[in-house]
Amino acid sequence: MSLSLTRPDDSHSGLSVIAGRNGAGKTTLLRAIALALAGPFVARSLVASFDD
């Protein structure tokens, strides 16, 4: 598979791609980013225990 993220004028499109096989951790990575951006109060309400 080939995916070009460069525009015709050689500038970058500003897109990022997370690719990988099933079970590689893509969703886990996105959930971790979402929790980090949400802040501690929201994160505590979304996750019953950080030990899980």
C-alpha atoms as a PDB file:
ATOM      1  CA  MET A   1       0.000   0.000   0.000  1.00  0.00           C
ATOM      2  CA  SER A   2       1.249   3.472  -0.818  1.00  0.00           C
ATOM      3  CA  LEU A   3      -0.208   6.711   0.498  1.00  0.00           C
ATOM      4  CA  SER A   4       1.187  10.108  -0.402  1.00  0.00           C
ATOM      5  CA  LEU A   5       0.444  12.943   2.026  1.00  0.00           C
ATOM      6  CA  THR A   6       2.321  15.556  -0.011  1.00  0.00           C
ATOM      7  CA  ARG A   7       0.462  18.208  -1.961  1.00  0.00           C
ATOM      8  CA  PRO A   8       1.347  19.064  -5.581  1.00  0.00           C
ATOM      9  CA  ASP A   9       3.297  22.142  -4.389  1.00  0.00           C
ATOM     10  CA  ASP A  10       5.477  19.883  -2.150  1.00  0.00           C
ATOM     11  CA  SER A  11       3.888  21.173   1.062  1.00  0.00           C
ATOM     12  CA  HIS A  12       2.609  18.669   3.595  1.00  0.00           C
ATOM     13  CA  SER A  13      -1.109  18.085   4.057  1.00  0.00           C
ATOM     14  CA  GLY A  14      -0.958  18.143   7.865  1.00  0.00           C
ATOM     15  CA  LEU A  15      -2.469  14.674   8.158  1.00  0.00           C
ATOM     16  CA  SER A  16      -1.161  11.881  10.323  1.00  0.00           C
ATOM     17  CA  VAL A  17      -1.920   8.212   9.800  1.00  0.00           C
ATOM     18  CA  ILE A  18      -1.841   5.472  12.414  1.00  0.00           C
ATOM     19  CA  ALA A  19      -1.662   2.130  10.651  1.00  0.00           C
ATOM     20  CA  GLY A  20      -1.033  -1.382  11.861  1.00  0.00           C
ATOM     21  CA  ARG A  21      -2.311  -4.913  12.016  1.00  0.00           C
ATOM     22  CA  ASN A  22      -5.278  -5.973  14.126  1.00  0.00           C
ATOM     23  CA  GLY A  23      -4.283  -6.073  17.773  1.00  0.00           C
ATOM     24  CA  ALA A  24      -1.266  -3.796  17.300  1.00  0.00           C
ATOM     25  CA  GLY A  25      -2.607  -1.165  19.731  1.00  0.00           C
ATOM     26  CA  LYS A  26      -3.989   1.578  17.457  1.00  0.00           C
ATOM     27  CA  THR A  27      -7.198   1.976  19.462  1.00  0.00           C
ATOM     28  CA  THR A  28      -5.306   1.809  22.763  1.00  0.00           C
ATOM     29  CA  LEU A  29      -3.026   4.610  21.577  1.00  0.00           C
ATOM     30  CA  LEU A  30      -5.976   6.783  20.533  1.00  0.00           C
ATOM     31  CA  ARG A  31      -7.750   6.150  23.860  1.00  0.00           C
ATOM     32  CA  ALA A  32      -4.604   7.096  25.776  1.00  0.00           C
ATOM     33  CA  ILE A  33      -4.309  10.329  23.790  1.00  0.00           C
ATOM     34  CA  ALA A  34      -7.992  11.110  24.418  1.00  0.00           C
ATOM     35  CA  LEU A  35      -7.600  10.517  28.168  1.00  0.00           C
ATOM     36  CA  ALA A  36      -4.488  12.691  28.284  1.00  0.00           C
ATOM     37  CA  LEU A  37      -6.266  15.525  26.479  1.00  0.00           C
ATOM     38  CA  ALA A  38      -9.445  15.216  28.577  1.00  0.00           C
ATOM     39  CA  GLY A  39      -7.677  16.030  31.820  1.00  0.00           C
ATOM     40  CA  PRO A  40      -7.698  14.222  35.168  1.00  0.00           C
ATOM     41  CA  PHE A  41     -11.291  15.008  36.205  1.00  0.00           C
ATOM     42  CA  VAL A  42     -12.830  13.714  32.975  1.00  0.00           C
ATOM     43  CA  ALA A  43     -10.385  10.800  32.845  1.00  0.00           C
ATOM     44  CA  ARG A  44     -11.474   9.642  36.327  1.00  0.00           C
ATOM     45  CA  SER A  45     -15.112   9.658  35.224  1.00  0.00           C
ATOM     46  CA  LEU A  46     -14.314   7.638  32.085  1.00  0.00           C
ATOM     47  CA  VAL A  47     -12.098   4.993  33.691  1.00  0.00           C
ATOM     48  CA  ALA A  48     -13.338   3.170  36.795  1.00  0.00           C
ATOM     49  CA  SER A  49      -9.804   2.241  37.829  1.00  0.00           C
ATOM     50  CA  PHE A  50      -6.458   2.967  36.219  1.00  0.00           C
ATOM     51  CA  ASP A  51      -5.324  -0.463  37.452  1.00  0.00           C
ATOM     52  CA  ASP A  52      -7.516  -2.160  34.803  1.00  0.00           C
END
